[in-house]
Amino acid sequence: MSFLDYAMKLISGTSTTTVTCPTCGFKSTQPVSKIRLRQAMLCPKCKALFVVPR
């Protein structure tokens, strides 16, 4: 693993943002890396899976 890979992993692991669930409207904090990689997120309130558009 190069130094740049390590730095990107370190930075992306600590950043979070607030995301609104499209099903129930609940706002929760999710990692920015999931949004950037377009991974599915789980709503903690209604347990719906969703992907945030960019």
N, C-alpha and C. Protein backbone atom coordinates (compact mmCIF):
# COMPACT_ATOMS: atom_id res chain seq x y z
N MET A 1 0.85 -1.17 0.00
CA MET A 1 0.00 0.00 0.00
C MET A 1 0.90 1.23 0.00
N SER A 2 0.63 2.14 -0.91
CA SER A 2 1.45 3.34 -1.00
C SER A 2 1.01 4.37 0.04
N PHE A 3 1.82 5.37 0.20
CA PHE A 3 1.52 6.44 1.15
C PHE A 3 0.23 7.15 0.76
N LEU A 4 0.01 7.37 -0.51
CA LEU A 4 -1.20 8.05 -0.98
C LEU A 4 -2.44 7.22 -0.68
N ASP A 5 -2.38 5.92 -0.90
CA ASP A 5 -3.51 5.04 -0.58
C ASP A 5 -3.83 5.09 0.92
N TYR A 6 -2.78 5.06 1.73
CA TYR A 6 -2.97 5.12 3.18
C TYR A 6 -3.61 6.44 3.60
N ALA A 7 -3.15 7.54 3.02
CA ALA A 7 -3.70 8.86 3.36
C ALA A 7 -5.17 8.97 2.94
N MET A 8 -5.51 8.48 1.76
CA MET A 8 -6.90 8.54 1.29
C MET A 8 -7.80 7.68 2.17
N LYS A 9 -7.32 6.54 2.59
CA LYS A 9 -8.11 5.66 3.46
C LYS A 9 -8.33 6.32 4.82
N LEU A 10 -7.31 6.97 5.32
CA LEU A 10 -7.40 7.65 6.61
C LEU A 10 -8.38 8.82 6.55
N ILE A 11 -8.32 9.60 5.49
CA ILE A 11 -9.21 10.76 5.34
C ILE A 11 -10.64 10.32 5.10
N SER A 12 -10.86 9.36 4.24
CA SER A 12 -12.22 8.95 3.89
C SER A 12 -12.92 8.23 5.03
N GLY A 13 -12.18 7.62 5.93
CA GLY A 13 -12.78 6.89 7.04
C GLY A 13 -13.31 7.78 8.14
N THR A 14 -12.88 9.03 8.19
CA THR A 14 -13.28 9.90 9.28
C THR A 14 -14.35 10.90 8.88
N SER A 15 -14.65 11.06 7.62
CA SER A 15 -15.61 12.05 7.17
C SER A 15 -17.02 11.48 7.18
N THR A 16 -17.95 12.23 7.76
CA THR A 16 -19.36 11.84 7.75
C THR A 16 -20.20 13.02 7.30
N THR A 17 -21.39 12.73 6.84
CA THR A 17 -22.33 13.75 6.43
C THR A 17 -23.74 13.33 6.82
N THR A 18 -24.66 14.26 6.82
CA THR A 18 -26.05 13.97 7.15
C THR A 18 -26.80 13.63 5.87
N VAL A 19 -27.51 12.51 5.90
CA VAL A 19 -28.26 12.01 4.75
C VAL A 19 -29.71 11.81 5.16
N THR A 20 -30.64 12.16 4.27
CA THR A 20 -32.06 11.98 4.54
C THR A 20 -32.57 10.73 3.84
N CYS A 21 -33.26 9.88 4.58
CA CYS A 21 -33.84 8.65 4.02
C CYS A 21 -34.99 9.02 3.09
N PRO A 22 -34.99 8.50 1.85
CA PRO A 22 -36.08 8.81 0.93
C PRO A 22 -37.41 8.15 1.30
N THR A 23 -37.38 7.13 2.13
CA THR A 23 -38.60 6.42 2.52
C THR A 23 -39.32 7.10 3.67
N CYS A 24 -38.61 7.35 4.77
CA CYS A 24 -39.27 7.89 5.97
C CYS A 24 -38.88 9.33 6.28
N GLY A 25 -37.84 9.87 5.65
CA GLY A 25 -37.42 11.24 5.89
C GLY A 25 -36.52 11.42 7.09
N PHE A 26 -36.07 10.34 7.71
CA PHE A 26 -35.19 10.41 8.89
C PHE A 26 -33.80 10.85 8.45
N LYS A 27 -33.19 11.77 9.20
CA LYS A 27 -31.84 12.25 8.90
C LYS A 27 -30.85 11.52 9.79
N SER A 28 -29.82 10.94 9.17
CA SER A 28 -28.80 10.21 9.91
C SER A 28 -27.43 10.55 9.34
N THR A 29 -26.39 10.28 10.12
CA THR A 29 -25.03 10.51 9.64
C THR A 29 -24.52 9.24 8.98
N GLN A 30 -23.89 9.42 7.84
CA GLN A 30 -23.34 8.31 7.07
C GLN A 30 -21.94 8.70 6.60
N PRO A 31 -21.07 7.73 6.38
CA PRO A 31 -19.72 8.02 5.88
C PRO A 31 -19.75 8.59 4.46
N VAL A 32 -18.92 9.57 4.22
CA VAL A 32 -18.83 10.18 2.89
C VAL A 32 -18.32 9.17 1.87
N SER A 33 -17.50 8.24 2.30
CA SER A 33 -16.96 7.24 1.38
C SER A 33 -18.07 6.39 0.76
N LYS A 34 -19.15 6.11 1.50
CA LYS A 34 -20.26 5.34 0.94
C LYS A 34 -20.96 6.12 -0.17
N ILE A 35 -21.09 7.43 0.00
CA ILE A 35 -21.73 8.25 -1.03
C ILE A 35 -20.83 8.30 -2.26
N ARG A 36 -19.53 8.49 -2.04
CA ARG A 36 -18.60 8.60 -3.16
C ARG A 36 -18.53 7.30 -3.96
N LEU A 37 -18.59 6.16 -3.27
CA LEU A 37 -18.52 4.86 -3.94
C LEU A 37 -19.89 4.34 -4.37
N ARG A 38 -20.93 5.12 -4.09
CA ARG A 38 -22.32 4.77 -4.44
C ARG A 38 -22.73 3.43 -3.83
N GLN A 39 -22.42 3.25 -2.55
CA GLN A 39 -22.80 2.05 -1.83
C GLN A 39 -24.15 2.26 -1.16
N ALA A 40 -24.86 1.17 -0.95
CA ALA A 40 -26.16 1.24 -0.29
C ALA A 40 -25.99 1.59 1.18
N MET A 41 -26.91 2.44 1.67
CA MET A 41 -26.92 2.84 3.08
C MET A 41 -28.18 2.32 3.73
N LEU A 42 -28.10 2.05 5.02
CA LEU A 42 -29.22 1.52 5.78
C LEU A 42 -29.76 2.60 6.69
N CYS A 43 -31.06 2.87 6.60
CA CYS A 43 -31.70 3.84 7.48
C CYS A 43 -31.83 3.22 8.87
N PRO A 44 -31.36 3.90 9.91
CA PRO A 44 -31.45 3.32 11.25
C PRO A 44 -32.88 3.29 11.80
N LYS A 45 -33.78 4.07 11.23
CA LYS A 45 -35.15 4.12 11.74
C LYS A 45 -36.05 3.07 11.08
N CYS A 46 -36.12 3.09 9.74
CA CYS A 46 -37.06 2.19 9.05
C CYS A 46 -36.37 0.98 8.40
N LYS A 47 -35.04 0.92 8.48
CA LYS A 47 -34.23 -0.18 7.94
C LYS A 47 -34.31 -0.32 6.42
N ALA A 48 -34.62 0.78 5.73
CA ALA A 48 -34.65 0.77 4.27
C ALA A 48 -33.24 0.92 3.71
N LEU A 49 -32.96 0.24 2.62
CA LEU A 49 -31.69 0.41 1.91
C LEU A 49 -31.89 1.43 0.80
N PHE A 50 -30.93 2.36 0.66
CA PHE A 50 -31.03 3.36 -0.39
C PHE A 50 -29.64 3.82 -0.79
N VAL A 51 -29.56 4.38 -1.99
CA VAL A 51 -28.31 4.95 -2.52
C VAL A 51 -28.56 6.43 -2.76
N VAL A 52 -27.68 7.27 -2.26
CA VAL A 52 -27.83 8.71 -2.41
C VAL A 52 -27.30 9.12 -3.78
N PRO A 53 -28.08 9.86 -4.58
CA PRO A 53 -27.56 10.33 -5.86
C PRO A 53 -26.54 11.43 -5.64
N ARG A 54 -25.59 11.56 -6.54
CA ARG A 54 -24.54 12.57 -6.39
C ARG A 54 -25.05 13.94 -6.66
